[in-house]
C-alpha cells in the first residue's frame, strides 16, 4: 500500500511548486482583469467590472491596436529571417569535422546571453559616436554614417529585429543541424547521382523531409517573438514614440508606469490567449509526430 502511493508523494512537492508559481498567478491575473484596479489610487482590489476591461481594450484603445501592429510586424520578420538564417547556417555547418564543430560552438555564444544584456549590448553597438555596428554600417552604407538608428522608427524596428535574430538563430541552427543529421542519405545520394543541383536537392528532397521540424521551429519562434520584452526595454524602450512598443511592453508600461493592474491584466490575457493557441498547435503537432 505504501509503495502504491509513494509515487504520488514523490511528485507532490513539484506539483505544489507548479501550483504556486504557475496556476496561482494565472488565476489571480484573470481575477484582476475583471476589476478596475489602479494601485496609484487604491492599494486594495478595486470594484468588479466584469468584462469591461476586455471591451475597452478591443473597442476603445488605439494604443493597444498600435502595439498589435508592431508585434505582428516584429513577429513576422523575426520568424522569417531567423528560419532562413538558421537553416542556411545549418546547411553550411552540418559536418562533424573539428573546424565546423568549433564554429558552431562560437555561434551559440549569442544564445547564452540574457535578452536584457543583449539589448544593452546592442544599444552600445548602435551608438552613432562609438558603436561598432554603427561604424560598420556607415562604412558600407555612407547614408547611415553617424545616423542615430534608435531615433528613427524604421531603423529602430530593424535593429530590434536584428538583435532578436542574432540571439535566436544559433538555437534553431542547432535544431536544424540535428534534423539534417537524422535524414536518410539514400534519397539525397540518389538525386546527386542523377545530376540534381544542390539547390534542387535541398528544395525537392531535403526541405520536404524537414517540414515537420520546420513547422515546430516556426511555432516556437512565433511564441518567443510574441512575448519579447527584455530587449525592448533595454534597447529601444518602445521608442521612438511607440514605433517598437510590442504588446508585452505595452502590458509592462500599463502595469508599472501607469499602475493600472486590472487593465494590464486584461491585455496580458489577450496576448496569452494567442500564445495559448500557438502552444496547443505546437503540442498537438509534436504529439502527432511522436
C-alpha atoms as a PDB file:
ATOM      1  CA  UNK A   1       0.000   0.000   0.000  1.00  0.00           C
ATOM      2  CA  UNK A   2       2.830   2.329   0.888  1.00  0.00           C
ATOM      3  CA  UNK A   3       4.554   1.624  -2.446  1.00  0.00           C
ATOM      4  CA  UNK A   4       1.296   2.249  -4.301  1.00  0.00           C
ATOM      5  CA  UNK A   5       1.063   5.844  -3.045  1.00  0.00           C
ATOM      6  CA  UNK A   6       4.787   6.590  -2.895  1.00  0.00           C
ATOM      7  CA  UNK A   7       4.895   7.901  -6.469  1.00  0.00           C
ATOM      8  CA  UNK A   8       2.245  10.497  -5.660  1.00  0.00           C
ATOM      9  CA  UNK A   9       4.117  11.695  -2.583  1.00  0.00           C
ATOM     10  CA  UNK A  10       7.317  11.984  -4.626  1.00  0.00           C
ATOM     11  CA  UNK A  11       5.755  14.269  -7.253  1.00  0.00           C
ATOM     12  CA  UNK A  12       3.653  16.226  -4.743  1.00  0.00           C
ATOM     13  CA  UNK A  13       6.383  18.848  -3.984  1.00  0.00           C
ATOM     14  CA  UNK A  14       6.873  19.540  -7.686  1.00  0.00           C
ATOM     15  CA  UNK A  15       3.121  19.839  -8.245  1.00  0.00           C
ATOM     16  CA  UNK A  16       2.823  22.187  -5.264  1.00  0.00           C
ATOM     17  CA  UNK A  17       5.584  24.422  -6.606  1.00  0.00           C
ATOM     18  CA  UNK A  18       3.938  24.475 -10.039  1.00  0.00           C
ATOM     19  CA  UNK A  19       0.606  25.387  -8.481  1.00  0.00           C
ATOM     20  CA  UNK A  20       2.170  28.259  -6.549  1.00  0.00           C
ATOM     21  CA  UNK A  21       4.326  29.627  -9.380  1.00  0.00           C
ATOM     22  CA  UNK A  22       2.065  28.938 -12.380  1.00  0.00           C
ATOM     23  CA  UNK A  23      -1.560  28.235 -11.577  1.00  0.00           C
ATOM     24  CA  UNK A  24      -1.988  30.803  -8.815  1.00  0.00           C
ATOM     25  CA  UNK A  25      -0.615  33.736 -10.886  1.00  0.00           C
ATOM     26  CA  UNK A  26      -2.797  32.699 -13.835  1.00  0.00           C
ATOM     27  CA  UNK A  27      -5.958  32.554 -11.758  1.00  0.00           C
ATOM     28  CA  UNK A  28      -5.104  35.720  -9.816  1.00  0.00           C
ATOM     29  CA  UNK A  29      -4.259  37.608 -13.021  1.00  0.00           C
ATOM     30  CA  UNK A  30      -7.587  36.675 -14.599  1.00  0.00           C
ATOM     31  CA  UNK A  31      -9.421  37.747 -11.443  1.00  0.00           C
ATOM     32  CA  UNK A  32      -7.600  41.100 -11.511  1.00  0.00           C
ATOM     33  CA  UNK A  33      -8.589  41.561 -15.173  1.00  0.00           C
ATOM     34  CA  UNK A  34     -12.245  41.524 -14.107  1.00  0.00           C
ATOM     35  CA  UNK A  35     -11.708  44.502 -11.790  1.00  0.00           C
ATOM     36  CA  UNK A  36     -10.921  48.179 -12.156  1.00  0.00           C
ATOM     37  CA  UNK A  37      -7.759  48.478 -10.077  1.00  0.00           C
ATOM     38  CA  UNK A  38      -5.224  51.283 -10.260  1.00  0.00           C
ATOM     39  CA  UNK A  39      -2.783  50.930  -7.383  1.00  0.00           C
ATOM     40  CA  UNK A  40      -1.925  54.632  -7.602  1.00  0.00           C
ATOM     41  CA  UNK A  41      -5.456  55.297  -6.401  1.00  0.00           C
ATOM     42  CA  UNK A  42      -6.100  52.381  -4.047  1.00  0.00           C
ATOM     43  CA  UNK A  43      -3.961  49.655  -2.554  1.00  0.00           C
ATOM     44  CA  UNK A  44      -6.705  47.031  -2.375  1.00  0.00           C
ATOM     45  CA  UNK A  45      -8.516  45.301  -5.207  1.00  0.00           C
ATOM     46  CA  UNK A  46     -10.913  47.673  -6.977  1.00  0.00           C
ATOM     47  CA  UNK A  47     -14.564  47.212  -7.929  1.00  0.00           C
ATOM     48  CA  UNK A  48     -15.680  44.290 -10.071  1.00  0.00           C
ATOM     49  CA  UNK A  49     -16.354  45.381 -13.674  1.00  0.00           C
ATOM     50  CA  UNK A  50     -16.723  42.023 -15.400  1.00  0.00           C
ATOM     51  CA  UNK A  51     -15.512  42.053 -18.994  1.00  0.00           C
ATOM     52  CA  UNK A  52     -15.415  45.853 -19.303  1.00  0.00           C
ATOM     53  CA  UNK A  53     -11.610  45.917 -19.386  1.00  0.00           C
ATOM     54  CA  UNK A  54     -11.616  43.500 -22.332  1.00  0.00           C
ATOM     55  CA  UNK A  55     -14.309  45.523 -24.108  1.00  0.00           C
ATOM     56  CA  UNK A  56     -12.337  48.753 -23.663  1.00  0.00           C
ATOM     57  CA  UNK A  57      -9.135  47.131 -24.896  1.00  0.00           C
ATOM     58  CA  UNK A  58     -10.732  45.735 -28.054  1.00  0.00           C
ATOM     59  CA  UNK A  59     -13.045  48.621 -28.967  1.00  0.00           C
ATOM     60  CA  UNK A  60     -11.681  51.835 -27.466  1.00  0.00           C
ATOM     61  CA  UNK A  61      -7.891  51.698 -27.230  1.00  0.00           C
ATOM     62  CA  UNK A  62      -5.903  52.723 -30.344  1.00  0.00           C
ATOM     63  CA  UNK A  63      -2.645  52.273 -28.405  1.00  0.00           C
ATOM     64  CA  UNK A  64      -3.456  48.578 -27.984  1.00  0.00           C
ATOM     65  CA  UNK A  65      -4.050  48.103 -31.713  1.00  0.00           C
ATOM     66  CA  UNK A  66      -0.877  50.040 -32.430  1.00  0.00           C
ATOM     67  CA  UNK A  67       1.083  47.616 -30.271  1.00  0.00           C
ATOM     68  CA  UNK A  68      -0.683  44.704 -32.020  1.00  0.00           C
ATOM     69  CA  UNK A  69       0.541  46.043 -35.361  1.00  0.00           C
ATOM     70  CA  UNK A  70       4.094  46.455 -34.051  1.00  0.00           C
ATOM     71  CA  UNK A  71       4.051  42.952 -32.562  1.00  0.00           C
ATOM     72  CA  UNK A  72       2.767  41.490 -35.821  1.00  0.00           C
ATOM     73  CA  UNK A  73       5.500  43.193 -37.872  1.00  0.00           C
ATOM     74  CA  UNK A  74       8.197  42.177 -35.408  1.00  0.00           C
ATOM     75  CA  UNK A  75       6.986  38.573 -35.209  1.00  0.00           C
ATOM     76  CA  UNK A  76       6.660  38.149 -38.976  1.00  0.00           C
ATOM     77  CA  UNK A  77      10.118  39.461 -39.863  1.00  0.00           C
ATOM     78  CA  UNK A  78      11.799  37.897 -36.848  1.00  0.00           C
ATOM     79  CA  UNK A  79      10.410  34.436 -37.570  1.00  0.00           C
ATOM     80  CA  UNK A  80      11.081  34.505 -41.326  1.00  0.00           C
ATOM     81  CA  UNK A  81      14.633  35.881 -41.091  1.00  0.00           C
ATOM     82  CA  UNK A  82      15.552  33.605 -38.186  1.00  0.00           C
ATOM     83  CA  UNK A  83      14.333  30.496 -40.018  1.00  0.00           C
ATOM     84  CA  UNK A  84      16.157  31.410 -43.237  1.00  0.00           C
ATOM     85  CA  UNK A  85      19.402  32.284 -41.459  1.00  0.00           C
ATOM     86  CA  UNK A  86      19.298  29.282 -39.120  1.00  0.00           C
ATOM     87  CA  UNK A  87      18.618  26.892 -41.998  1.00  0.00           C
ATOM     88  CA  UNK A  88      21.426  28.417 -44.066  1.00  0.00           C
ATOM     89  CA  UNK A  89      23.889  28.098 -41.185  1.00  0.00           C
ATOM     90  CA  UNK A  90      22.763  24.522 -40.528  1.00  0.00           C
ATOM     91  CA  UNK A  91      23.387  23.556 -44.160  1.00  0.00           C
ATOM     92  CA  UNK A  92      26.828  25.171 -44.068  1.00  0.00           C
ATOM     93  CA  UNK A  93      27.821  23.738 -40.678  1.00  0.00           C
ATOM     94  CA  UNK A  94      26.254  20.280 -40.707  1.00  0.00           C
ATOM     95  CA  UNK A  95      29.575  18.439 -40.781  1.00  0.00           C
ATOM     96  CA  UNK A  96      31.412  16.837 -37.867  1.00  0.00           C
ATOM     97  CA  UNK A  97      34.973  17.971 -38.524  1.00  0.00           C
ATOM     98  CA  UNK A  98      36.796  19.938 -35.849  1.00  0.00           C
ATOM     99  CA  UNK A  99      36.570  23.334 -37.565  1.00  0.00           C
ATOM    100  CA  UNK A 100      32.815  23.027 -38.154  1.00  0.00           C
ATOM    101  CA  UNK A 101      32.147  21.969 -34.565  1.00  0.00           C
ATOM    102  CA  UNK A 102      34.245  24.873 -33.231  1.00  0.00           C
ATOM    103  CA  UNK A 103      32.447  27.375 -35.453  1.00  0.00           C
ATOM    104  CA  UNK A 104      29.069  26.050 -34.293  1.00  0.00           C
ATOM    105  CA  UNK A 105      30.212  26.406 -30.695  1.00  0.00           C
ATOM    106  CA  UNK A 106      31.231  30.037 -31.235  1.00  0.00           C
ATOM    107  CA  UNK A 107      27.955  30.820 -32.973  1.00  0.00           C
ATOM    108  CA  UNK A 108      25.985  29.515 -29.994  1.00  0.00           C
ATOM    109  CA  UNK A 109      27.514  32.144 -27.691  1.00  0.00           C
ATOM    110  CA  UNK A 110      24.898  34.840 -28.516  1.00  0.00           C
ATOM    111  CA  UNK A 111      22.157  32.486 -27.351  1.00  0.00           C
ATOM    112  CA  UNK A 112      23.808  32.246 -23.920  1.00  0.00           C
ATOM    113  CA  UNK A 113      23.261  35.975 -23.338  1.00  0.00           C
ATOM    114  CA  UNK A 114      20.204  37.122 -21.436  1.00  0.00           C
ATOM    115  CA  UNK A 115      17.768  39.208 -23.518  1.00  0.00           C
ATOM    116  CA  UNK A 116      18.202  42.199 -21.191  1.00  0.00           C
ATOM    117  CA  UNK A 117      22.005  42.123 -21.563  1.00  0.00           C
ATOM    118  CA  UNK A 118      21.576  41.627 -25.293  1.00  0.00           C
ATOM    119  CA  UNK A 119      19.536  44.817 -25.534  1.00  0.00           C
ATOM    120  CA  UNK A 120      22.095  46.819 -23.549  1.00  0.00           C
ATOM    121  CA  UNK A 121      24.944  45.462 -25.696  1.00  0.00           C
ATOM    122  CA  UNK A 122      23.206  46.317 -28.957  1.00  0.00           C
ATOM    123  CA  UNK A 123      22.394  49.793 -27.645  1.00  0.00           C
ATOM    124  CA  UNK A 124      26.122  50.427 -27.228  1.00  0.00           C
ATOM    125  CA  UNK A 125      26.956  48.790 -30.571  1.00  0.00           C
ATOM    126  CA  UNK A 126      24.443  51.031 -32.352  1.00  0.00           C
ATOM    127  CA  UNK A 127      25.655  54.242 -30.713  1.00  0.00           C
ATOM    128  CA  UNK A 128      26.405  56.669 -33.588  1.00  0.00           C
ATOM    129  CA  UNK A 129      29.546  58.019 -31.877  1.00  0.00           C
ATOM    130  CA  UNK A 130      31.406  54.867 -30.807  1.00  0.00           C
ATOM    131  CA  UNK A 131      29.257  51.839 -31.733  1.00  0.00           C
ATOM    132  CA  UNK A 132      30.939  49.099 -33.780  1.00  0.00           C
ATOM    133  CA  UNK A 133      27.791  48.161 -35.740  1.00  0.00           C
ATOM    134  CA  UNK A 134      27.016  51.819 -36.421  1.00  0.00           C
ATOM    135  CA  UNK A 135      30.561  52.381 -37.704  1.00  0.00           C
ATOM    136  CA  UNK A 136      30.450  49.247 -39.860  1.00  0.00           C
ATOM    137  CA  UNK A 137      27.113  50.152 -41.410  1.00  0.00           C
ATOM    138  CA  UNK A 138      28.354  53.691 -42.004  1.00  0.00           C
ATOM    139  CA  UNK A 139      31.373  52.359 -43.886  1.00  0.00           C
ATOM    140  CA  UNK A 140      29.203  50.096 -46.054  1.00  0.00           C
ATOM    141  CA  UNK A 141      26.277  52.497 -46.489  1.00  0.00           C
ATOM    142  CA  UNK A 142      27.540  56.115 -46.310  1.00  0.00           C
ATOM    143  CA  UNK A 143      23.994  57.439 -45.841  1.00  0.00           C
ATOM    144  CA  UNK A 144      23.871  55.701 -42.435  1.00  0.00           C
ATOM    145  CA  UNK A 145      27.138  57.200 -41.176  1.00  0.00           C
ATOM    146  CA  UNK A 146      26.525  58.989 -37.881  1.00  0.00           C
ATOM    147  CA  UNK A 147      22.771  58.343 -38.040  1.00  0.00           C
ATOM    148  CA  UNK A 148      21.200  57.677 -34.613  1.00  0.00           C
ATOM    149  CA  UNK A 149      19.460  54.479 -35.653  1.00  0.00           C
ATOM    150  CA  UNK A 150      17.406  54.121 -32.495  1.00  0.00           C
ATOM    151  CA  UNK A 151      15.888  57.569 -33.094  1.00  0.00           C
ATOM    152  CA  UNK A 152      14.402  56.530 -36.432  1.00  0.00           C
ATOM    153  CA  UNK A 153      11.183  54.413 -36.278  1.00  0.00           C
ATOM    154  CA  UNK A 154      12.088  52.132 -39.198  1.00  0.00           C
ATOM    155  CA  UNK A 155      15.745  51.705 -38.231  1.00  0.00           C
ATOM    156  CA  UNK A 156      14.837  51.113 -34.589  1.00  0.00           C
ATOM    157  CA  UNK A 157      12.474  48.307 -35.587  1.00  0.00           C
ATOM    158  CA  UNK A 158      15.158  46.885 -37.882  1.00  0.00           C
ATOM    159  CA  UNK A 159      17.653  46.988 -35.004  1.00  0.00           C
ATOM    160  CA  UNK A 160      15.224  45.242 -32.664  1.00  0.00           C
ATOM    161  CA  UNK A 161      14.537  42.524 -35.229  1.00  0.00           C
ATOM    162  CA  UNK A 162      18.258  42.115 -35.975  1.00  0.00           C
ATOM    163  CA  UNK A 163      19.109  41.713 -32.290  1.00  0.00           C
ATOM    164  CA  UNK A 164      16.395  39.097 -31.867  1.00  0.00           C
ATOM    165  CA  UNK A 165      17.507  37.196 -34.968  1.00  0.00           C
ATOM    166  CA  UNK A 166      21.116  37.307 -33.746  1.00  0.00           C
ATOM    167  CA  UNK A 167      20.006  35.895 -30.411  1.00  0.00           C
ATOM    168  CA  UNK A 168      17.783  33.050 -31.617  1.00  0.00           C
ATOM    169  CA  UNK A 169      19.416  31.918 -34.874  1.00  0.00           C
ATOM    170  CA  UNK A 170      22.082  29.745 -33.125  1.00  0.00           C
ATOM    171  CA  UNK A 171      19.411  27.843 -31.198  1.00  0.00           C
ATOM    172  CA  UNK A 172      17.417  26.979 -34.303  1.00  0.00           C
ATOM    173  CA  UNK A 173      20.622  26.300 -36.229  1.00  0.00           C
ATOM    174  CA  UNK A 174      21.401  23.500 -33.769  1.00  0.00           C
ATOM    175  CA  UNK A 175      17.840  22.231 -34.109  1.00  0.00           C
ATOM    176  CA  UNK A 176      18.184  22.047 -37.877  1.00  0.00           C
ATOM    177  CA  UNK A 177      21.674  20.521 -37.676  1.00  0.00           C
ATOM    178  CA  UNK A 178      20.229  17.674 -35.603  1.00  0.00           C
ATOM    179  CA  UNK A 179      17.345  17.258 -38.049  1.00  0.00           C
ATOM    180  CA  UNK A 180      19.705  17.166 -41.041  1.00  0.00           C
ATOM    181  CA  UNK A 181      21.829  14.508 -39.357  1.00  0.00           C
ATOM    182  CA  UNK A 182      18.743  12.330 -38.885  1.00  0.00           C
ATOM    183  CA  UNK A 183      17.661  12.443 -42.541  1.00  0.00           C
ATOM    184  CA  UNK A 184      18.127   9.291 -44.621  1.00  0.00           C
ATOM    185  CA  UNK A 185      21.017   9.865 -47.007  1.00  0.00           C
ATOM    186  CA  UNK A 186      19.924   7.353 -49.661  1.00  0.00           C
ATOM    187  CA  UNK A 187      17.471   9.689 -51.438  1.00  0.00           C
ATOM    188  CA  UNK A 188      19.906  12.591 -51.346  1.00  0.00           C
ATOM    189  CA  UNK A 189      22.736  10.488 -52.744  1.00  0.00           C
ATOM    190  CA  UNK A 190      20.453   9.096 -55.458  1.00  0.00           C
ATOM    191  CA  UNK A 191      19.478  12.620 -56.542  1.00  0.00           C
ATOM    192  CA  UNK A 192      23.123  13.684 -56.621  1.00  0.00           C
ATOM    193  CA  UNK A 193      23.988  10.656 -58.773  1.00  0.00           C
ATOM    194  CA  UNK A 194      21.190  11.661 -61.174  1.00  0.00           C
ATOM    195  CA  UNK A 195      22.837  15.056 -61.551  1.00  0.00           C
ATOM    196  CA  UNK A 196      20.491  17.195 -59.453  1.00  0.00           C
ATOM    197  CA  UNK A 197      21.938  20.542 -58.348  1.00  0.00           C
ATOM    198  CA  UNK A 198      22.470  21.334 -54.675  1.00  0.00           C
ATOM    199  CA  UNK A 199      19.570  23.762 -54.691  1.00  0.00           C
ATOM    200  CA  UNK A 200      17.228  21.222 -56.295  1.00  0.00           C
ATOM    201  CA  UNK A 201      18.301  18.518 -53.834  1.00  0.00           C
ATOM    202  CA  UNK A 202      17.559  20.883 -50.955  1.00  0.00           C
ATOM    203  CA  UNK A 203      14.261  22.209 -52.343  1.00  0.00           C
ATOM    204  CA  UNK A 204      12.758  18.930 -53.535  1.00  0.00           C
ATOM    205  CA  UNK A 205      14.245  16.350 -51.142  1.00  0.00           C
ATOM    206  CA  UNK A 206      15.771  17.865 -48.017  1.00  0.00           C
ATOM    207  CA  UNK A 207      13.240  20.605 -47.285  1.00  0.00           C
ATOM    208  CA  UNK A 208      10.118  18.374 -47.585  1.00  0.00           C
ATOM    209  CA  UNK A 209      11.676  15.948 -45.107  1.00  0.00           C
ATOM    210  CA  UNK A 210      12.490  18.841 -42.759  1.00  0.00           C
ATOM    211  CA  UNK A 211       8.953  20.262 -42.905  1.00  0.00           C
ATOM    212  CA  UNK A 212       7.813  18.762 -39.542  1.00  0.00           C
ATOM    213  CA  UNK A 213      10.874  20.168 -37.746  1.00  0.00           C
ATOM    214  CA  UNK A 214      10.490  23.481 -39.564  1.00  0.00           C
ATOM    215  CA  UNK A 215       6.844  23.723 -38.513  1.00  0.00           C
ATOM    216  CA  UNK A 216       7.776  23.134 -34.876  1.00  0.00           C
ATOM    217  CA  UNK A 217      10.556  25.721 -35.124  1.00  0.00           C
ATOM    218  CA  UNK A 218       8.198  28.329 -36.618  1.00  0.00           C
ATOM    219  CA  UNK A 219       5.612  27.800 -33.879  1.00  0.00           C
ATOM    220  CA  UNK A 220       8.267  28.028 -31.164  1.00  0.00           C
ATOM    221  CA  UNK A 221       9.819  31.169 -32.626  1.00  0.00           C
ATOM    222  CA  UNK A 222       6.412  32.809 -33.028  1.00  0.00           C
ATOM    223  CA  UNK A 223       5.693  32.207 -29.326  1.00  0.00           C
ATOM    224  CA  UNK A 224       9.099  33.601 -28.346  1.00  0.00           C
ATOM    225  CA  UNK A 225       8.579  36.673 -30.542  1.00  0.00           C
ATOM    226  CA  UNK A 226       5.105  37.442 -29.224  1.00  0.00           C
ATOM    227  CA  UNK A 227       6.353  37.672 -25.656  1.00  0.00           C
ATOM    228  CA  UNK A 228       9.543  39.650 -26.308  1.00  0.00           C
ATOM    229  CA  UNK A 229      10.051  42.265 -23.597  1.00  0.00           C
ATOM    230  CA  UNK A 230      13.528  42.426 -22.052  1.00  0.00           C
ATOM    231  CA  UNK A 231      15.411  43.629 -25.097  1.00  0.00           C
ATOM    232  CA  UNK A 232      12.622  46.064 -25.974  1.00  0.00           C
ATOM    233  CA  UNK A 233      13.030  47.666 -22.544  1.00  0.00           C
ATOM    234  CA  UNK A 234      16.824  47.820 -22.691  1.00  0.00           C
ATOM    235  CA  UNK A 235      17.333  48.521 -26.414  1.00  0.00           C
ATOM    236  CA  UNK A 236      14.559  50.847 -27.603  1.00  0.00           C
ATOM    237  CA  UNK A 237      12.237  51.351 -24.589  1.00  0.00           C
ATOM    238  CA  UNK A 238       9.404  51.034 -27.085  1.00  0.00           C
ATOM    239  CA  UNK A 239      10.556  54.108 -28.984  1.00  0.00           C
ATOM    240  CA  UNK A 240      10.975  56.296 -30.761  1.00  0.00           C
ATOM    241  CA  UNK A 241       7.440  57.159 -29.772  1.00  0.00           C
ATOM    242  CA  UNK A 242       5.621  53.840 -29.953  1.00  0.00           C
ATOM    243  CA  UNK A 243       7.429  52.515 -33.054  1.00  0.00           C
ATOM    244  CA  UNK A 244       8.750  49.433 -31.240  1.00  0.00           C
ATOM    245  CA  UNK A 245       6.159  49.101 -28.495  1.00  0.00           C
ATOM    246  CA  UNK A 246       5.230  45.422 -28.556  1.00  0.00           C
ATOM    247  CA  UNK A 247       2.226  44.006 -26.731  1.00  0.00           C
ATOM    248  CA  UNK A 248       4.362  42.667 -23.892  1.00  0.00           C
ATOM    249  CA  UNK A 249       5.954  46.118 -23.474  1.00  0.00           C
ATOM    250  CA  UNK A 250       2.516  47.748 -23.577  1.00  0.00           C
ATOM    251  CA  UNK A 251       1.403  45.460 -20.747  1.00  0.00           C
ATOM    252  CA  UNK A 252       4.571  46.340 -18.828  1.00  0.00           C
ATOM    253  CA  UNK A 253       4.009  50.093 -19.208  1.00  0.00           C
ATOM    254  CA  UNK A 254       0.321  49.886 -18.311  1.00  0.00           C
ATOM    255  CA  UNK A 255       1.070  47.928 -15.148  1.00  0.00           C
ATOM    256  CA  UNK A 256       4.285  49.506 -13.869  1.00  0.00           C
ATOM    257  CA  UNK A 257       4.246  53.042 -15.247  1.00  0.00           C
ATOM    258  CA  UNK A 258       0.530  53.805 -15.131  1.00  0.00           C
ATOM    259  CA  UNK A 259      -0.208  51.318 -12.307  1.00  0.00           C
ATOM    260  CA  UNK A 260      -3.431  50.059 -13.908  1.00  0.00           C
ATOM    261  CA  UNK A 261      -3.218  46.416 -12.892  1.00  0.00           C
ATOM    262  CA  UNK A 262      -6.744  45.428 -13.890  1.00  0.00           C
ATOM    263  CA  UNK A 263      -6.445  46.828 -17.406  1.00  0.00           C
ATOM    264  CA  UNK A 264      -2.936  45.456 -17.930  1.00  0.00           C
ATOM    265  CA  UNK A 265      -4.081  42.008 -16.779  1.00  0.00           C
ATOM    266  CA  UNK A 266      -6.815  42.042 -19.445  1.00  0.00           C
ATOM    267  CA  UNK A 267      -4.274  42.929 -22.164  1.00  0.00           C
ATOM    268  CA  UNK A 268      -1.923  40.235 -20.880  1.00  0.00           C
ATOM    269  CA  UNK A 269      -4.670  37.633 -21.063  1.00  0.00           C
ATOM    270  CA  UNK A 270      -5.477  38.564 -24.660  1.00  0.00           C
ATOM    271  CA  UNK A 271      -1.801  38.084 -25.501  1.00  0.00           C
ATOM    272  CA  UNK A 272      -1.729  34.834 -23.525  1.00  0.00           C
ATOM    273  CA  UNK A 273      -4.765  33.592 -25.474  1.00  0.00           C
ATOM    274  CA  UNK A 274      -2.921  33.984 -28.786  1.00  0.00           C
ATOM    275  CA  UNK A 275       0.165  32.315 -27.361  1.00  0.00           C
ATOM    276  CA  UNK A 276      -2.046  29.558 -25.943  1.00  0.00           C
ATOM    277  CA  UNK A 277      -3.437  28.800 -29.387  1.00  0.00           C
ATOM    278  CA  UNK A 278       0.089  28.516 -30.780  1.00  0.00           C
ATOM    279  CA  UNK A 279       1.118  26.343 -27.826  1.00  0.00           C
ATOM    280  CA  UNK A 280      -1.817  23.994 -28.435  1.00  0.00           C
ATOM    281  CA  UNK A 281      -0.914  23.735 -32.125  1.00  0.00           C
ATOM    282  CA  UNK A 282       2.695  23.050 -31.182  1.00  0.00           C
ATOM    283  CA  UNK A 283       1.733  20.381 -28.636  1.00  0.00           C
ATOM    284  CA  UNK A 284      -0.694  18.642 -30.992  1.00  0.00           C
ATOM    285  CA  UNK A 285       1.846  18.646 -33.806  1.00  0.00           C
ATOM    286  CA  UNK A 286       4.580  17.228 -31.562  1.00  0.00           C
ATOM    287  CA  UNK A 287       2.259  14.541 -30.188  1.00  0.00           C
ATOM    288  CA  UNK A 288       1.167  13.545 -33.705  1.00  0.00           C
ATOM    289  CA  UNK A 289       4.788  13.182 -34.754  1.00  0.00           C
ATOM    290  CA  UNK A 290       5.734  11.172 -31.643  1.00  0.00           C
END
